[in-house]
């Protein structure tokens, strides 16, 4: 049909989320600390079709919190590079859990929280 499958958008959103997340907690460090950041919510609003070969730009932002609320929210906007028209927008929500117990981490280690607060 010539258009990109709807599941692909979530893979693009994941790239944006991980780029921000790894600034705070790189994968190797997360493994050493026994920490995982699973996605607990994903949504996408499709506005314009994306065709194979379209050049796209993904903008991902996060809502910086003064205190950890048990969730991290990322907003995504996928834009056609040539026309600057938004093709899709979405939200991803992740949380922080102990990899071994699968329990929610309610307080971030101070060094990680400082890295998070330093994000722009």
PDB file of N, CA and C in Angstrom:
ATOM      1  N   UNK A   1       0.815  -1.207   0.000  1.00  0.00           N
ATOM      2  CA  UNK A   1       0.000   0.000   0.000  1.00  0.00           C
ATOM      3  C   UNK A   1       0.853   1.264   0.000  1.00  0.00           C
ATOM      4  N   UNK A   2       2.167   1.106   0.193  1.00  0.00           N
ATOM      5  CA  UNK A   2       3.052   2.254   0.077  1.00  0.00           C
ATOM      6  C   UNK A   2       3.227   3.098   1.324  1.00  0.00           C
ATOM      7  N   UNK A   3       2.468   2.827   2.375  1.00  0.00           N
ATOM      8  CA  UNK A   3       2.612   3.610   3.602  1.00  0.00           C
ATOM      9  C   UNK A   3       3.281   2.768   4.683  1.00  0.00           C
ATOM     10  N   UNK A   4       3.945   3.445   5.586  1.00  0.00           N
ATOM     11  CA  UNK A   4       4.645   2.783   6.683  1.00  0.00           C
ATOM     12  C   UNK A   4       3.628   2.199   7.654  1.00  0.00           C
ATOM     13  N   UNK A   5       3.880   0.982   8.127  1.00  0.00           N
ATOM     14  CA  UNK A   5       2.981   0.305   9.065  1.00  0.00           C
ATOM     15  C   UNK A   5       2.913   1.076  10.384  1.00  0.00           C
ATOM     16  N   UNK A   6       1.744   1.090  10.986  1.00  0.00           N
ATOM     17  CA  UNK A   6       1.533   1.871  12.205  1.00  0.00           C
ATOM     18  C   UNK A   6       2.461   1.480  13.362  1.00  0.00           C
ATOM     19  N   UNK A   7       2.898   0.232  13.435  1.00  0.00           N
ATOM     20  CA  UNK A   7       3.782  -0.196  14.524  1.00  0.00           C
ATOM     21  C   UNK A   7       5.155   0.476  14.449  1.00  0.00           C
ATOM     22  N   UNK A   8       5.568   0.887  13.266  1.00  0.00           N
ATOM     23  CA  UNK A   8       6.874   1.509  13.097  1.00  0.00           C
ATOM     24  C   UNK A   8       6.990   2.808  13.894  1.00  0.00           C
ATOM     25  N   UNK A   9       5.900   3.521  14.060  1.00  0.00           N
ATOM     26  CA  UNK A   9       5.927   4.793  14.776  1.00  0.00           C
ATOM     27  C   UNK A   9       6.426   4.588  16.210  1.00  0.00           C
ATOM     28  N   UNK A  10       6.006   3.490  16.826  1.00  0.00           N
ATOM     29  CA  UNK A  10       6.428   3.219  18.200  1.00  0.00           C
ATOM     30  C   UNK A  10       7.920   2.924  18.276  1.00  0.00           C
ATOM     31  N   UNK A  11       8.468   2.322  17.234  1.00  0.00           N
ATOM     32  CA  UNK A  11       9.918   2.102  17.198  1.00  0.00           C
ATOM     33  C   UNK A  11      10.653   3.435  17.093  1.00  0.00           C
ATOM     34  N   UNK A  12      10.130   4.354  16.302  1.00  0.00           N
ATOM     35  CA  UNK A  12      10.738   5.684  16.210  1.00  0.00           C
ATOM     36  C   UNK A  12      10.634   6.413  17.549  1.00  0.00           C
ATOM     37  N   UNK A  13       9.467   6.333  18.187  1.00  0.00           N
ATOM     38  CA  UNK A  13       9.296   6.978  19.492  1.00  0.00           C
ATOM     39  C   UNK A  13      10.280   6.399  20.508  1.00  0.00           C
ATOM     40  N   UNK A  14      10.488   5.081  20.430  1.00  0.00           N
ATOM     41  CA  UNK A  14      11.421   4.421  21.346  1.00  0.00           C
ATOM     42  C   UNK A  14      12.833   4.961  21.170  1.00  0.00           C
ATOM     43  N   UNK A  15      13.237   5.231  19.941  1.00  0.00           N
ATOM     44  CA  UNK A  15      14.564   5.797  19.711  1.00  0.00           C
ATOM     45  C   UNK A  15      14.706   7.146  20.402  1.00  0.00           C
ATOM     46  N   UNK A  16      13.692   7.981  20.310  1.00  0.00           N
ATOM     47  CA  UNK A  16      13.732   9.282  20.973  1.00  0.00           C
ATOM     48  C   UNK A  16      13.780   9.159  22.484  1.00  0.00           C
ATOM     49  N   UNK A  17      12.955   8.267  23.025  1.00  0.00           N
ATOM     50  CA  UNK A  17      12.928   8.068  24.482  1.00  0.00           C
ATOM     51  C   UNK A  17      14.271   7.560  24.981  1.00  0.00           C
ATOM     52  N   UNK A  18      14.832   6.579  24.271  1.00  0.00           N
ATOM     53  CA  UNK A  18      16.099   6.000  24.722  1.00  0.00           C
ATOM     54  C   UNK A  18      17.242   7.006  24.653  1.00  0.00           C
ATOM     55  N   UNK A  19      17.237   7.853  23.651  1.00  0.00           N
ATOM     56  CA  UNK A  19      18.302   8.850  23.541  1.00  0.00           C
ATOM     57  C   UNK A  19      18.313   9.750  24.780  1.00  0.00           C
ATOM     58  N   UNK A  20      17.152  10.165  25.232  1.00  0.00           N
ATOM     59  CA  UNK A  20      17.073  10.985  26.450  1.00  0.00           C
ATOM     60  C   UNK A  20      17.398  10.139  27.673  1.00  0.00           C
ATOM     61  N   UNK A  21      16.830   8.950  27.775  1.00  0.00           N
ATOM     62  CA  UNK A  21      17.038   8.087  28.944  1.00  0.00           C
ATOM     63  C   UNK A  21      18.500   7.741  29.133  1.00  0.00           C
ATOM     64  N   UNK A  22      19.202   7.447  28.039  1.00  0.00           N
ATOM     65  CA  UNK A  22      20.607   7.047  28.146  1.00  0.00           C
ATOM     66  C   UNK A  22      21.513   8.200  28.552  1.00  0.00           C
ATOM     67  N   UNK A  23      21.046   9.442  28.416  1.00  0.00           N
ATOM     68  CA  UNK A  23      21.816  10.566  28.935  1.00  0.00           C
ATOM     69  C   UNK A  23      21.873  10.504  30.463  1.00  0.00           C
ATOM     70  N   UNK A  24      20.821   9.990  31.065  1.00  0.00           N
ATOM     71  CA  UNK A  24      20.746   9.873  32.521  1.00  0.00           C
ATOM     72  C   UNK A  24      21.328   8.542  32.985  1.00  0.00           C
ATOM     73  N   UNK A  25      20.944   7.469  32.298  1.00  0.00           N
ATOM     74  CA  UNK A  25      21.319   6.125  32.730  1.00  0.00           C
ATOM     75  C   UNK A  25      21.686   5.279  31.513  1.00  0.00           C
ATOM     76  N   UNK A  26      22.958   5.302  31.120  1.00  0.00           N
ATOM     77  CA  UNK A  26      23.389   4.476  29.982  1.00  0.00           C
ATOM     78  C   UNK A  26      23.092   3.004  30.248  1.00  0.00           C
ATOM     79  N   UNK A  27      22.875   2.251  29.182  1.00  0.00           N
ATOM     80  CA  UNK A  27      22.472   0.855  29.293  1.00  0.00           C
ATOM     81  C   UNK A  27      23.424   0.028  30.151  1.00  0.00           C
ATOM     82  N   UNK A  28      24.716   0.148  29.922  1.00  0.00           N
ATOM     83  CA  UNK A  28      25.688  -0.624  30.699  1.00  0.00           C
ATOM     84  C   UNK A  28      25.597  -0.332  32.183  1.00  0.00           C
ATOM     85  N   UNK A  29      25.419   0.929  32.521  1.00  0.00           N
ATOM     86  CA  UNK A  29      25.286   1.313  33.930  1.00  0.00           C
ATOM     87  C   UNK A  29      23.980   0.782  34.514  1.00  0.00           C
ATOM     88  N   UNK A  30      22.910   0.825  33.736  1.00  0.00           N
ATOM     89  CA  UNK A  30      21.626   0.303  34.204  1.00  0.00           C
ATOM     90  C   UNK A  30      21.739  -1.185  34.537  1.00  0.00           C
ATOM     91  N   UNK A  31      22.437  -1.918  33.686  1.00  0.00           N
ATOM     92  CA  UNK A  31      22.629  -3.353  33.920  1.00  0.00           C
ATOM     93  C   UNK A  31      23.438  -3.571  35.192  1.00  0.00           C
ATOM     94  N   UNK A  32      24.519  -2.817  35.360  1.00  0.00           N
ATOM     95  CA  UNK A  32      25.342  -2.955  36.572  1.00  0.00           C
ATOM     96  C   UNK A  32      24.547  -2.634  37.835  1.00  0.00           C
ATOM     97  N   UNK A  33      23.673  -1.639  37.759  1.00  0.00           N
ATOM     98  CA  UNK A  33      22.883  -1.234  38.928  1.00  0.00           C
ATOM     99  C   UNK A  33      21.653  -2.118  39.140  1.00  0.00           C
ATOM    100  N   UNK A  34      21.326  -2.936  38.147  1.00  0.00           N
ATOM    101  CA  UNK A  34      20.141  -3.779  38.258  1.00  0.00           C
ATOM    102  C   UNK A  34      18.842  -2.989  38.129  1.00  0.00           C
ATOM    103  N   UNK A  35      18.878  -1.984  37.253  1.00  0.00           N
ATOM    104  CA  UNK A  35      17.739  -1.085  37.081  1.00  0.00           C
ATOM    105  C   UNK A  35      17.195  -1.201  35.661  1.00  0.00           C
ATOM    106  N   UNK A  36      15.883  -1.241  35.543  1.00  0.00           N
ATOM    107  CA  UNK A  36      15.235  -1.250  34.232  1.00  0.00           C
ATOM    108  C   UNK A  36      14.268  -0.074  34.150  1.00  0.00           C
ATOM    109  N   UNK A  37      13.997   0.385  32.933  1.00  0.00           N
ATOM    110  CA  UNK A  37      13.080   1.501  32.718  1.00  0.00           C
ATOM    111  C   UNK A  37      12.004   1.065  31.720  1.00  0.00           C
ATOM    112  N   UNK A  38      11.065   0.220  32.168  1.00  0.00           N
ATOM    113  CA  UNK A  38      10.057  -0.293  31.246  1.00  0.00           C
ATOM    114  C   UNK A  38       9.007   0.753  30.869  1.00  0.00           C
ATOM    115  N   UNK A  39       8.503   0.612  29.666  1.00  0.00           N
ATOM    116  CA  UNK A  39       7.402   1.455  29.191  1.00  0.00           C
ATOM    117  C   UNK A  39       6.107   0.910  29.784  1.00  0.00           C
ATOM    118  N   UNK A  40       5.297   1.816  30.338  1.00  0.00           N
ATOM    119  CA  UNK A  40       4.017   1.413  30.921  1.00  0.00           C
ATOM    120  C   UNK A  40       2.824   1.978  30.146  1.00  0.00           C
ATOM    121  N   UNK A  41       3.113   2.890  29.208  1.00  0.00           N
ATOM    122  CA  UNK A  41       2.035   3.453  28.375  1.00  0.00           C
ATOM    123  C   UNK A  41       2.650   3.976  27.084  1.00  0.00           C
ATOM    124  N   UNK A  42       1.965   3.739  25.988  1.00  0.00           N
ATOM    125  CA  UNK A  42       2.351   4.244  24.673  1.00  0.00           C
ATOM    126  C   UNK A  42       1.087   4.685  23.954  1.00  0.00           C
ATOM    127  N   UNK A  43       1.130   5.829  23.308  1.00  0.00           N
ATOM    128  CA  UNK A  43       0.000   6.235  22.469  1.00  0.00           C
ATOM    129  C   UNK A  43       0.529   6.974  21.250  1.00  0.00           C
ATOM    130  N   UNK A  44      -0.249   6.921  20.182  1.00  0.00           N
ATOM    131  CA  UNK A  44       0.144   7.590  18.947  1.00  0.00           C
ATOM    132  C   UNK A  44      -1.108   8.123  18.258  1.00  0.00           C
ATOM    133  N   UNK A  45      -1.016   9.355  17.803  1.00  0.00           N
ATOM    134  CA  UNK A  45      -2.086   9.968  17.009  1.00  0.00           C
ATOM    135  C   UNK A  45      -1.527  10.168  15.603  1.00  0.00           C
ATOM    136  N   UNK A  46      -2.116   9.466  14.653  1.00  0.00           N
ATOM    137  CA  UNK A  46      -1.655   9.524  13.262  1.00  0.00           C
ATOM    138  C   UNK A  46      -2.390  10.654  12.547  1.00  0.00           C
ATOM    139  N   UNK A  47      -1.610  11.608  11.977  1.00  0.00           N
ATOM    140  CA  UNK A  47      -2.230  12.774  11.354  1.00  0.00           C
ATOM    141  C   UNK A  47      -2.065  12.809   9.838  1.00  0.00           C
ATOM    142  N   UNK A  48      -0.895  12.398   9.354  1.00  0.00           N
ATOM    143  CA  UNK A  48      -0.607  12.388   7.926  1.00  0.00           C
ATOM    144  C   UNK A  48       0.094  11.073   7.603  1.00  0.00           C
ATOM    145  N   UNK A  49      -0.171  10.497   6.441  1.00  0.00           N
ATOM    146  CA  UNK A  49       0.526   9.245   6.118  1.00  0.00           C
ATOM    147  C   UNK A  49       2.024   9.468   5.897  1.00  0.00           C
ATOM    148  N   UNK A  50       2.781   8.460   6.259  1.00  0.00           N
ATOM    149  CA  UNK A  50       4.215   8.437   5.968  1.00  0.00           C
ATOM    150  C   UNK A  50       4.434   7.353   4.939  1.00  0.00           C
ATOM    151  N   UNK A  51       5.065   7.718   3.855  1.00  0.00           N
ATOM    152  CA  UNK A  51       5.325   6.772   2.775  1.00  0.00           C
ATOM    153  C   UNK A  51       6.782   6.339   2.819  1.00  0.00           C
ATOM    154  N   UNK A  52       7.049   5.152   2.308  1.00  0.00           N
ATOM    155  CA  UNK A  52       8.416   4.670   2.248  1.00  0.00           C
ATOM    156  C   UNK A  52       9.271   5.676   1.498  1.00  0.00           C
ATOM    157  N   UNK A  53      10.408   6.012   2.078  1.00  0.00           N
ATOM    158  CA  UNK A  53      11.313   6.972   1.463  1.00  0.00           C
ATOM    159  C   UNK A  53      11.131   8.394   1.952  1.00  0.00           C
ATOM    160  N   UNK A  54      10.044   8.686   2.667  1.00  0.00           N
ATOM    161  CA  UNK A  54       9.856  10.030   3.219  1.00  0.00           C
ATOM    162  C   UNK A  54      10.965  10.334   4.214  1.00  0.00           C
ATOM    163  N   UNK A  55      11.478  11.542   4.152  1.00  0.00           N
ATOM    164  CA  UNK A  55      12.462  11.974   5.138  1.00  0.00           C
ATOM    165  C   UNK A  55      11.706  12.593   6.310  1.00  0.00           C
ATOM    166  N   UNK A  56      12.008  12.111   7.509  1.00  0.00           N
ATOM    167  CA  UNK A  56      11.281  12.527   8.700  1.00  0.00           C
ATOM    168  C   UNK A  56      12.237  13.062   9.758  1.00  0.00           C
ATOM    169  N   UNK A  57      11.696  13.899  10.635  1.00  0.00           N
ATOM    170  CA  UNK A  57      12.442  14.390  11.791  1.00  0.00           C
ATOM    171  C   UNK A  57      11.612  14.066  13.023  1.00  0.00           C
ATOM    172  N   UNK A  58      12.257  13.450  14.019  1.00  0.00           N
ATOM    173  CA  UNK A  58      11.582  13.118  15.269  1.00  0.00           C
ATOM    174  C   UNK A  58      12.035  14.079  16.352  1.00  0.00           C
ATOM    175  N   UNK A  59      11.071  14.708  17.003  1.00  0.00           N
ATOM    176  CA  UNK A  59      11.345  15.565  18.151  1.00  0.00           C
ATOM    177  C   UNK A  59      10.782  14.849  19.367  1.00  0.00           C
ATOM    178  N   UNK A  60      11.628  14.612  20.360  1.00  0.00           N
ATOM    179  CA  UNK A  60      11.179  13.994  21.605  1.00  0.00           C
ATOM    180  C   UNK A  60      11.573  14.902  22.749  1.00  0.00           C
ATOM    181  N   UNK A  61      10.624  15.181  23.610  1.00  0.00           N
ATOM    182  CA  UNK A  61      10.869  16.001  24.789  1.00  0.00           C
ATOM    183  C   UNK A  61      10.396  15.223  26.012  1.00  0.00           C
ATOM    184  N   UNK A  62      10.825  15.652  27.159  1.00  0.00           N
ATOM    185  CA  UNK A  62      10.372  15.029  28.405  1.00  0.00           C
ATOM    186  C   UNK A  62       9.902  16.122  29.354  1.00  0.00           C
ATOM    187  N   UNK A  63       9.056  15.718  30.279  1.00  0.00           N
ATOM    188  CA  UNK A  63       8.570  16.658  31.298  1.00  0.00           C
ATOM    189  C   UNK A  63       9.475  16.518  32.514  1.00  0.00           C
ATOM    190  N   UNK A  64      10.285  17.530  32.760  1.00  0.00           N
ATOM    191  CA  UNK A  64      11.208  17.508  33.885  1.00  0.00           C
ATOM    192  C   UNK A  64      10.426  17.679  35.185  1.00  0.00           C
ATOM    193  N   UNK A  65      10.661  16.800  36.131  1.00  0.00           N
ATOM    194  CA  UNK A  65       9.958  16.814  37.406  1.00  0.00           C
ATOM    195  C   UNK A  65      10.871  17.332  38.513  1.00  0.00           C
ATOM    196  N   UNK A  66      10.294  18.020  39.480  1.00  0.00           N
ATOM    197  CA  UNK A  66      11.079  18.457  40.634  1.00  0.00           C
ATOM    198  C   UNK A  66      11.227  17.316  41.634  1.00  0.00           C
ATOM    199  N   UNK A  67      10.255  16.408  41.661  1.00  0.00           N
ATOM    200  CA  UNK A  67      10.328  15.196  42.477  1.00  0.00           C
ATOM    201  C   UNK A  67       9.854  14.038  41.616  1.00  0.00           C
ATOM    202  N   UNK A  68      10.472  12.879  41.811  1.00  0.00           N
ATOM    203  CA  UNK A  68      10.095  11.706  41.027  1.00  0.00           C
ATOM    204  C   UNK A  68       8.678  11.278  41.390  1.00  0.00           C
ATOM    205  N   UNK A  69       7.846  11.140  40.375  1.00  0.00           N
ATOM    206  CA  UNK A  69       6.430  10.801  40.562  1.00  0.00           C
ATOM    207  C   UNK A  69       6.128   9.351  40.207  1.00  0.00           C
ATOM    208  N   UNK A  70       7.172   8.535  40.035  1.00  0.00           N
ATOM    209  CA  UNK A  70       6.970   7.131  39.692  1.00  0.00           C
ATOM    210  C   UNK A  70       6.820   6.889  38.207  1.00  0.00           C
ATOM    211  N   UNK A  71       6.925   7.933  37.419  1.00  0.00           N
ATOM    212  CA  UNK A  71       6.780   7.808  35.970  1.00  0.00           C
ATOM    213  C   UNK A  71       7.541   8.922  35.277  1.00  0.00           C
ATOM    214  N   UNK A  72       8.010   8.618  34.082  1.00  0.00           N
ATOM    215  CA  UNK A  72       8.700   9.597  33.245  1.00  0.00           C
ATOM    216  C   UNK A  72       7.914   9.722  31.951  1.00  0.00           C
ATOM    217  N   UNK A  73       7.557  10.944  31.591  1.00  0.00           N
ATOM    218  CA  UNK A  73       6.721  11.169  30.414  1.00  0.00           C
ATOM    219  C   UNK A  73       7.533  11.788  29.282  1.00  0.00           C
ATOM    220  N   UNK A  74       7.362  11.210  28.104  1.00  0.00           N
ATOM    221  CA  UNK A  74       8.035  11.690  26.900  1.00  0.00           C
ATOM    222  C   UNK A  74       6.977  12.001  25.849  1.00  0.00           C
ATOM    223  N   UNK A  75       7.118  13.145  25.204  1.00  0.00           N
ATOM    224  CA  UNK A  75       6.211  13.519  24.115  1.00  0.00           C
ATOM    225  C   UNK A  75       6.989  13.489  22.813  1.00  0.00           C
ATOM    226  N   UNK A  76       6.339  12.990  21.771  1.00  0.00           N
ATOM    227  CA  UNK A  76       6.986  12.814  20.478  1.00  0.00           C
ATOM    228  C   UNK A  76       6.211  13.548  19.386  1.00  0.00           C
ATOM    229  N   UNK A  77       6.947  14.085  18.441  1.00  0.00           N
ATOM    230  CA  UNK A  77       6.358  14.702  17.261  1.00  0.00           C
ATOM    231  C   UNK A  77       7.198  14.257  16.064  1.00  0.00           C
ATOM    232  N   UNK A  78       6.547  13.599  15.120  1.00  0.00           N
ATOM    233  CA  UNK A  78       7.203  13.107  13.911  1.00  0.00           C
ATOM    234  C   UNK A  78       6.774  14.010  12.760  1.00  0.00           C
ATOM    235  N   UNK A  79       7.746  14.675  12.146  1.00  0.00           N
ATOM    236  CA  UNK A  79       7.464  15.721  11.168  1.00  0.00           C
ATOM    237  C   UNK A  79       8.103  15.373   9.825  1.00  0.00           C
ATOM    238  N   UNK A  80       7.356  15.613   8.755  1.00  0.00           N
ATOM    239  CA  UNK A  80       7.916  15.480   7.404  1.00  0.00           C
ATOM    240  C   UNK A  80       8.972  16.571   7.232  1.00  0.00           C
ATOM    241  N   UNK A  81      10.194  16.184   6.860  1.00  0.00           N
ATOM    242  CA  UNK A  81      11.303  17.136   6.757  1.00  0.00           C
ATOM    243  C   UNK A  81      11.045  18.212   5.706  1.00  0.00           C
ATOM    244  N   UNK A  82      10.514  17.837   4.572  1.00  0.00           N
ATOM    245  CA  UNK A  82      10.337  18.790   3.471  1.00  0.00           C
ATOM    246  C   UNK A  82       9.191  19.763   3.717  1.00  0.00           C
ATOM    247  N   UNK A  83       8.059  19.254   4.185  1.00  0.00           N
ATOM    248  CA  UNK A  83       6.863  20.090   4.318  1.00  0.00           C
ATOM    249  C   UNK A  83       6.684  20.682   5.713  1.00  0.00           C
ATOM    250  N   UNK A  84       7.415  20.148   6.690  1.00  0.00           N
ATOM    251  CA  UNK A  84       7.299  20.562   8.095  1.00  0.00           C
ATOM    252  C   UNK A  84       5.925  20.248   8.677  1.00  0.00           C
ATOM    253  N   UNK A  85       5.190  19.345   8.043  1.00  0.00           N
ATOM    254  CA  UNK A  85       3.865  18.946   8.524  1.00  0.00           C
ATOM    255  C   UNK A  85       4.029  17.756   9.470  1.00  0.00           C
ATOM    256  N   UNK A  86       3.357  17.844  10.605  1.00  0.00           N
ATOM    257  CA  UNK A  86       3.428  16.757  11.580  1.00  0.00           C
ATOM    258  C   UNK A  86       2.667  15.545  11.062  1.00  0.00           C
ATOM    259  N   UNK A  87       3.355  14.419  11.000  1.00  0.00           N
ATOM    260  CA  UNK A  87       2.745  13.176  10.548  1.00  0.00           C
ATOM    261  C   UNK A  87       2.091  12.423  11.697  1.00  0.00           C
ATOM    262  N   UNK A  88       2.690  12.519  12.891  1.00  0.00           N
ATOM    263  CA  UNK A  88       2.164  11.805  14.049  1.00  0.00           C
ATOM    264  C   UNK A  88       2.696  12.445  15.321  1.00  0.00           C
ATOM    265  N   UNK A  89       1.946  12.261  16.379  1.00  0.00           N
ATOM    266  CA  UNK A  89       2.404  12.697  17.702  1.00  0.00           C
ATOM    267  C   UNK A  89       2.065  11.586  18.683  1.00  0.00           C
ATOM    268  N   UNK A  90       2.803  11.557  19.773  1.00  0.00           N
ATOM    269  CA  UNK A  90       2.545  10.489  20.726  1.00  0.00           C
ATOM    270  C   UNK A  90       3.138  10.764  22.083  1.00  0.00           C
ATOM    271  N   UNK A  91       2.814   9.868  22.998  1.00  0.00           N
ATOM    272  CA  UNK A  91       3.294   9.949  24.374  1.00  0.00           C
ATOM    273  C   UNK A  91       3.788   8.571  24.777  1.00  0.00           C
ATOM    274  N   UNK A  92       4.920   8.551  25.454  1.00  0.00           N
ATOM    275  CA  UNK A  92       5.445   7.328  26.050  1.00  0.00           C
ATOM    276  C   UNK A  92       5.657   7.605  27.532  1.00  0.00           C
ATOM    277  N   UNK A  93       5.232   6.675  28.363  1.00  0.00           N
ATOM    278  CA  UNK A  93       5.440   6.790  29.800  1.00  0.00           C
ATOM    279  C   UNK A  93       6.239   5.574  30.249  1.00  0.00           C
ATOM    280  N   UNK A  94       7.296   5.830  30.998  1.00  0.00           N
ATOM    281  CA  UNK A  94       8.134   4.753  31.529  1.00  0.00           C
ATOM    282  C   UNK A  94       8.254   4.927  33.038  1.00  0.00           C
ATOM    283  N   UNK A  95       8.711   3.883  33.694  1.00  0.00           N
ATOM    284  CA  UNK A  95       8.950   3.940  35.124  1.00  0.00           C
ATOM    285  C   UNK A  95      10.303   3.308  35.407  1.00  0.00           C
ATOM    286  N   UNK A  96      10.738   3.345  36.631  1.00  0.00           N
ATOM    287  CA  UNK A  96      12.023   2.783  37.018  1.00  0.00           C
ATOM    288  C   UNK A  96      11.769   1.632  37.984  1.00  0.00           C
ATOM    289  N   UNK A  97      12.309   0.444  37.668  1.00  0.00           N
ATOM    290  CA  UNK A  97      12.094  -0.719  38.526  1.00  0.00           C
ATOM    291  C   UNK A  97      13.417  -1.423  38.822  1.00  0.00           C
ATOM    292  N   UNK A  98      13.420  -2.129  39.938  1.00  0.00           N
ATOM    293  CA  UNK A  98      14.538  -2.994  40.288  1.00  0.00           C
ATOM    294  C   UNK A  98      14.446  -4.221  39.398  1.00  0.00           C
ATOM    295  N   UNK A  99      15.482  -4.489  38.631  1.00  0.00           N
ATOM    296  CA  UNK A  99      15.469  -5.567  37.656  1.00  0.00           C
ATOM    297  C   UNK A  99      15.293  -6.939  38.308  1.00  0.00           C
ATOM    298  N   UNK A 100      15.849  -7.123  39.486  1.00  0.00           N
ATOM    299  CA  UNK A 100      15.793  -8.422  40.156  1.00  0.00           C
ATOM    300  C   UNK A 100      14.451  -8.699  40.814  1.00  0.00           C
ATOM    301  N   UNK A 101      13.844  -7.668  41.418  1.00  0.00           N
ATOM    302  CA  UNK A 101      12.578  -7.871  42.148  1.00  0.00           C
ATOM    303  C   UNK A 101      11.365  -7.417  41.351  1.00  0.00           C
ATOM    304  N   UNK A 102      11.600  -6.637  40.288  1.00  0.00           N
ATOM    305  CA  UNK A 102      10.527  -6.067  39.470  1.00  0.00           C
ATOM    306  C   UNK A 102       9.659  -5.086  40.258  1.00  0.00           C
ATOM    307  N   UNK A 103      10.195  -4.561  41.348  1.00  0.00           N
ATOM    308  CA  UNK A 103       9.463  -3.598  42.168  1.00  0.00           C
ATOM    309  C   UNK A 103       9.794  -2.173  41.736  1.00  0.00           C
ATOM    310  N   UNK A 104       8.805  -1.311  41.843  1.00  0.00           N
ATOM    311  CA  UNK A 104       8.970   0.100  41.506  1.00  0.00           C
ATOM    312  C   UNK A 104      10.016   0.734  42.409  1.00  0.00           C
ATOM    313  N   UNK A 105      10.902   1.495  41.819  1.00  0.00           N
ATOM    314  CA  UNK A 105      11.871   2.272  42.596  1.00  0.00           C
ATOM    315  C   UNK A 105      11.213   3.609  42.892  1.00  0.00           C
ATOM    316  N   UNK A 106      10.964   3.867  44.162  1.00  0.00           N
ATOM    317  CA  UNK A 106      10.220   5.072  44.526  1.00  0.00           C
ATOM    318  C   UNK A 106      11.123   6.274  44.766  1.00  0.00           C
ATOM    319  N   UNK A 107      12.403   6.018  44.980  1.00  0.00           N
ATOM    320  CA  UNK A 107      13.343   7.119  45.144  1.00  0.00           C
ATOM    321  C   UNK A 107      14.587   6.809  44.324  1.00  0.00           C
ATOM    322  N   UNK A 108      14.911   7.696  43.416  1.00  0.00           N
ATOM    323  CA  UNK A 108      16.088   7.516  42.574  1.00  0.00           C
ATOM    324  C   UNK A 108      17.344   7.714  43.405  1.00  0.00           C
ATOM    325  N   UNK A 109      18.411   6.993  43.075  1.00  0.00           N
ATOM    326  CA  UNK A 109      19.709   7.297  43.692  1.00  0.00           C
ATOM    327  C   UNK A 109      20.072   8.749  43.390  1.00  0.00           C
ATOM    328  N   UNK A 110      20.687   9.407  44.375  1.00  0.00           N
ATOM    329  CA  UNK A 110      20.970  10.843  44.251  1.00  0.00           C
ATOM    330  C   UNK A 110      21.752  11.201  42.988  1.00  0.00           C
ATOM    331  N   UNK A 111      22.755  10.383  42.638  1.00  0.00           N
ATOM    332  CA  UNK A 111      23.560  10.727  41.457  1.00  0.00           C
ATOM    333  C   UNK A 111      22.737  10.663  40.174  1.00  0.00           C
ATOM    334  N   UNK A 112      21.824   9.693  40.076  1.00  0.00           N
ATOM    335  CA  UNK A 112      20.961   9.609  38.892  1.00  0.00           C
ATOM    336  C   UNK A 112      19.969  10.766  38.857  1.00  0.00           C
ATOM    337  N   UNK A 113      19.428  11.114  40.011  1.00  0.00           N
ATOM    338  CA  UNK A 113      18.468  12.210  40.062  1.00  0.00           C
ATOM    339  C   UNK A 113      19.135  13.523  39.661  1.00  0.00           C
ATOM    340  N   UNK A 114      20.372  13.719  40.065  1.00  0.00           N
ATOM    341  CA  UNK A 114      21.093  14.938  39.677  1.00  0.00           C
ATOM    342  C   UNK A 114      21.316  14.973  38.169  1.00  0.00           C
ATOM    343  N   UNK A 115      21.644  13.823  37.569  1.00  0.00           N
ATOM    344  CA  UNK A 115      21.793  13.763  36.104  1.00  0.00           C
ATOM    345  C   UNK A 115      20.479  14.093  35.419  1.00  0.00           C
ATOM    346  N   UNK A 116      19.396  13.536  35.951  1.00  0.00           N
ATOM    347  CA  UNK A 116      18.077  13.805  35.382  1.00  0.00           C
ATOM    348  C   UNK A 116      17.744  15.286  35.459  1.00  0.00           C
ATOM    349  N   UNK A 117      17.991  15.886  36.604  1.00  0.00           N
ATOM    350  CA  UNK A 117      17.695  17.304  36.779  1.00  0.00           C
ATOM    351  C   UNK A 117      18.551  18.184  35.874  1.00  0.00           C
ATOM    352  N   UNK A 118      19.710  17.691  35.456  1.00  0.00           N
ATOM    353  CA  UNK A 118      20.606  18.472  34.595  1.00  0.00           C
ATOM    354  C   UNK A 118      20.170  18.444  33.128  1.00  0.00           C
ATOM    355  N   UNK A 119      19.223  17.570  32.776  1.00  0.00           N
ATOM    356  CA  UNK A 119      18.747  17.536  31.392  1.00  0.00           C
ATOM    357  C   UNK A 119      18.104  18.861  31.028  1.00  0.00           C
ATOM    358  N   UNK A 120      18.201  19.192  29.772  1.00  0.00           N
ATOM    359  CA  UNK A 120      17.577  20.431  29.294  1.00  0.00           C
ATOM    360  C   UNK A 120      16.407  20.131  28.414  1.00  0.00           C
TER     361      UNK A 120
END
